[in-house]
Amino acid sequence: MRPPSLVSQFYTKYKGAAFVPALRQVLEAVTTGGITDIPELAALAARHITRRTTAKGTRARVRSKAVLITPTGTGTGTGRVAAQAIASGSARLRPLIAEAASRGLKLAFTVRLHRAGYVMPSGSRTDSPGIRRDVVQRTDHTEERSYGSAATGGFDAADFAQRVDAAGGDVTAAVQQWLIETGRIHTDARIVHLEVRTWRPRSEQS
């Protein structure tokens, strides 16, 4: 169900135009047909929703929230954040890193920023040897690179937790500072996507 505040914006601020026809159909079904079954109403609405398109006519991307997956009681998991969360310090990633540190786990991360922000050339093995996946170049002139992996042993989560604490809990700043200190990015480079992965070393797994 859509929150009431969002529904009201359709009528007061003319937002969410793609949903207006669907809402009208649902409203009519409820008021005249007496339909109250949610799955039935959802199916009815779906037939009247058209995805937004870009100026070039392609399907527009849907903005997604930060994703944080941490199995309870293990400390292992993966956390991803995008532009909005990064701007506020990627706070959602801090519990994942802190939990991993308390359990003596390993850590790796992937960053994406403008290609010009990197010091070393694309694909440089000096920059990120043994990365989990190859460098990913995107059409918006950003590039994704991974640091640390299970194959190379990764980083001690405790070390990164200390960096995060020293940065006042700002995970973005801690990661960016490490990249600058190790000569991987320029001082004015800005991270636009950040993913953190934590795991228990294979030698310690039962």
Protein backbone atom coordinates (compact mmCIF):
# COMPACT_ATOMS: atom_id res chain seq x y z
CA MET A 1 0.00 0.00 0.00
CA ARG A 2 1.17 3.54 -0.74
CA PRO A 3 1.50 5.87 2.27
CA PRO A 4 -1.31 8.48 2.62
CA SER A 5 1.19 11.33 2.31
CA LEU A 6 2.21 10.09 -1.12
CA VAL A 7 -1.38 9.67 -2.26
CA SER A 8 -2.20 13.22 -1.21
CA GLN A 9 0.70 14.54 -3.29
CA PHE A 10 -0.95 13.16 -6.42
CA TYR A 11 -3.79 15.61 -5.94
CA THR A 12 -2.09 18.58 -4.26
CA LYS A 13 1.32 18.66 -5.95
CA TYR A 14 0.60 16.63 -9.08
CA LYS A 15 3.34 14.10 -8.34
CA GLY A 16 3.26 10.43 -9.33
CA ALA A 17 1.31 10.97 -12.52
CA ALA A 18 1.92 7.38 -13.57
CA PHE A 19 -0.16 6.15 -10.62
CA VAL A 20 -3.18 8.43 -11.06
CA PRO A 21 -5.08 6.21 -13.57
CA ALA A 22 -4.47 3.18 -11.36
CA LEU A 23 -5.69 5.00 -8.25
CA ARG A 24 -8.84 6.10 -10.04
CA GLN A 25 -9.59 2.52 -11.06
CA VAL A 26 -8.99 1.28 -7.51
CA LEU A 27 -11.17 4.03 -6.06
CA GLU A 28 -13.99 3.17 -8.44
CA ALA A 29 -13.66 -0.54 -7.66
CA VAL A 30 -13.90 0.15 -3.94
CA THR A 31 -16.73 2.70 -4.03
CA THR A 32 -18.94 1.18 -6.73
CA GLY A 33 -17.96 -2.46 -6.77
CA GLY A 34 -17.32 -2.93 -3.07
CA ILE A 35 -14.01 -4.69 -3.77
CA THR A 36 -11.74 -4.73 -0.71
CA ASP A 37 -9.46 -7.69 -1.47
CA ILE A 38 -5.93 -6.22 -1.59
CA PRO A 39 -4.43 -8.69 -4.13
CA GLU A 40 -7.41 -8.11 -6.43
CA LEU A 41 -7.07 -4.33 -6.14
CA ALA A 42 -3.31 -4.55 -6.71
CA ALA A 43 -3.85 -6.62 -9.85
CA LEU A 44 -6.40 -4.09 -11.08
CA ALA A 45 -4.02 -1.19 -10.44
CA ALA A 46 -1.07 -2.90 -12.12
CA ARG A 47 -2.91 -2.92 -15.45
CA HIS A 48 -3.12 0.87 -15.38
CA ILE A 49 0.44 1.78 -14.36
CA THR A 50 2.92 2.83 -17.04
CA ARG A 51 6.60 3.09 -16.19
CA ARG A 52 8.25 6.47 -16.76
CA THR A 53 10.55 6.86 -19.74
CA THR A 54 13.59 9.03 -20.33
CA ALA A 55 13.86 11.75 -22.98
CA LYS A 56 15.29 9.08 -25.30
CA GLY A 57 12.27 6.86 -24.78
CA THR A 58 14.00 4.20 -22.67
CA ARG A 59 12.58 2.96 -19.37
CA ALA A 60 13.57 5.25 -16.49
CA ARG A 61 15.50 3.78 -13.60
CA VAL A 62 13.74 3.38 -10.28
CA ARG A 63 15.45 4.97 -7.30
CA SER A 64 16.15 2.37 -4.63
CA LYS A 65 16.82 2.64 -0.93
CA ALA A 66 20.01 1.53 0.72
CA VAL A 67 20.10 -2.23 1.21
CA LEU A 68 21.56 -3.77 4.34
CA ILE A 69 21.59 -7.54 4.80
CA THR A 70 23.03 -8.90 8.03
CA PRO A 71 22.08 -12.41 9.21
CA THR A 72 21.29 -12.14 12.92
CA GLY A 73 23.92 -13.48 15.25
CA THR A 74 26.73 -13.97 12.75
CA GLY A 75 27.98 -10.48 11.92
CA THR A 76 28.49 -11.50 8.30
CA GLY A 77 26.63 -9.81 5.51
CA THR A 78 26.56 -7.25 2.74
CA GLY A 79 25.53 -3.61 2.92
CA ARG A 80 25.02 -1.28 -0.03
CA VAL A 81 24.28 2.42 -0.06
CA ALA A 82 23.79 4.95 -2.85
CA ALA A 83 24.08 8.71 -3.27
CA GLN A 84 21.60 9.96 -0.66
CA ALA A 85 22.85 7.66 2.11
CA ILE A 86 26.47 8.32 1.17
CA ALA A 87 25.96 12.07 1.52
CA SER A 88 24.83 11.53 5.12
CA GLY A 89 27.76 9.26 6.00
CA SER A 90 26.41 5.81 5.11
CA ALA A 91 25.22 5.37 8.70
CA ARG A 92 23.37 2.16 7.84
CA LEU A 93 26.68 0.43 7.21
CA ARG A 94 28.18 1.25 10.61
CA PRO A 95 26.36 -1.54 12.57
CA LEU A 96 27.51 -4.12 10.01
CA ILE A 97 31.14 -3.04 10.39
CA ALA A 98 30.92 -2.80 14.18
CA GLU A 99 29.40 -6.27 14.48
CA ALA A 100 32.05 -7.72 12.17
CA ALA A 101 34.78 -6.06 14.25
CA SER A 102 33.42 -7.47 17.51
CA ARG A 103 33.48 -10.96 16.01
CA GLY A 104 36.93 -10.72 14.44
CA LEU A 105 35.66 -10.94 10.88
CA LYS A 106 37.17 -9.81 7.59
CA LEU A 107 35.95 -6.98 5.40
CA ALA A 108 36.04 -5.90 1.77
CA PHE A 109 34.35 -3.07 -0.05
CA THR A 110 33.45 -1.81 -3.50
CA VAL A 111 33.29 1.87 -4.42
CA ARG A 112 32.04 3.70 -7.47
CA LEU A 113 33.14 7.19 -8.44
CA HIS A 114 33.93 9.24 -11.54
CA ARG A 115 36.72 7.65 -13.58
CA ALA A 116 38.83 10.79 -13.31
CA GLY A 117 38.77 10.43 -9.52
CA TYR A 118 41.03 7.36 -9.57
CA VAL A 119 44.80 7.82 -9.52
CA MET A 120 45.75 4.49 -11.09
CA PRO A 121 44.58 3.43 -14.55
CA SER A 122 41.55 1.24 -15.04
CA GLY A 123 42.31 -2.43 -14.47
CA SER A 124 45.56 -1.75 -12.61
CA ARG A 125 46.46 -4.79 -10.52
CA THR A 126 48.49 -2.54 -8.23
CA ASP A 127 45.33 -0.65 -7.35
CA SER A 128 43.18 -3.64 -6.43
CA PRO A 129 44.87 -7.02 -6.92
CA GLY A 130 42.72 -10.11 -6.56
CA ILE A 131 39.45 -8.20 -6.67
CA ARG A 132 36.25 -10.23 -6.46
CA ARG A 133 35.11 -9.07 -9.87
CA ASP A 134 36.64 -7.07 -12.72
CA VAL A 135 36.47 -3.29 -12.88
CA VAL A 136 32.99 -2.17 -13.95
CA GLN A 137 32.77 0.90 -16.19
CA ARG A 138 29.40 2.63 -16.52
CA THR A 139 27.85 4.88 -19.14
CA ASP A 140 27.69 7.81 -16.70
CA HIS A 141 31.52 7.94 -16.69
CA THR A 142 31.78 6.32 -13.26
CA GLU A 143 33.82 3.25 -12.50
CA GLU A 144 33.39 0.56 -9.87
CA ARG A 145 36.39 -1.02 -8.19
CA SER A 146 36.65 -3.56 -5.38
CA TYR A 147 39.17 -3.67 -2.56
CA GLY A 148 39.89 -6.74 -0.48
CA SER A 149 38.46 -10.19 -1.10
CA ALA A 150 38.27 -13.64 0.44
CA ALA A 151 41.02 -14.71 -1.98
CA THR A 152 43.46 -12.08 -0.71
CA GLY A 153 42.38 -12.28 2.92
CA GLY A 154 40.50 -9.00 2.96
CA PHE A 155 40.91 -6.36 5.68
CA ASP A 156 40.46 -6.68 9.42
CA ALA A 157 36.99 -5.36 10.20
CA ALA A 158 38.35 -4.07 13.53
CA ASP A 159 40.79 -1.76 11.73
CA PHE A 160 38.02 -0.26 9.62
CA ALA A 161 35.74 0.02 12.63
CA GLN A 162 38.43 2.17 14.29
CA ARG A 163 38.62 4.32 11.17
CA VAL A 164 34.86 4.78 11.21
CA ASP A 165 34.94 5.74 14.90
CA ALA A 166 37.75 8.22 14.22
CA ALA A 167 35.59 9.74 11.47
CA GLY A 168 32.74 10.28 13.91
CA GLY A 169 30.77 7.32 12.58
CA ASP A 170 30.96 8.51 8.96
CA VAL A 171 31.60 5.32 6.96
CA THR A 172 31.87 7.22 3.69
CA ALA A 173 34.56 9.52 5.06
CA ALA A 174 36.49 6.59 6.56
CA VAL A 175 36.57 4.68 3.27
CA GLN A 176 37.40 7.81 1.28
CA GLN A 177 40.24 8.68 3.63
CA TRP A 178 41.72 5.17 3.27
CA LEU A 179 41.56 5.47 -0.53
CA ILE A 180 43.30 8.85 -0.39
CA GLU A 181 45.96 7.72 2.10
CA THR A 182 46.83 4.69 -0.03
CA GLY A 183 47.10 6.78 -3.19
CA ARG A 184 44.14 5.27 -4.96
CA ILE A 185 41.92 8.32 -5.48
CA HIS A 186 42.38 12.08 -5.72
CA THR A 187 41.50 14.21 -2.72
CA ASP A 188 38.54 15.82 -4.49
CA ALA A 189 37.03 12.51 -5.67
CA ARG A 190 33.54 11.73 -4.39
CA ILE A 191 32.10 8.26 -3.81
CA VAL A 192 28.67 7.75 -5.38
CA HIS A 193 28.09 4.11 -4.43
CA LEU A 194 29.51 2.01 -1.61
CA GLU A 195 29.20 -1.67 -0.78
CA VAL A 196 30.71 -3.39 2.26
CA ARG A 197 31.04 -7.15 2.65
CA THR A 198 32.03 -9.00 5.82
CA TRP A 199 32.79 -12.67 6.37
CA ARG A 200 34.48 -15.12 8.68
CA PRO A 201 37.91 -16.39 7.51
CA ARG A 202 37.69 -19.90 6.06
CA SER A 203 40.23 -21.19 8.61
CA GLU A 204 37.83 -20.25 11.42
CA GLN A 205 34.71 -21.72 9.91
CA SER A 206 33.48 -24.95 11.42
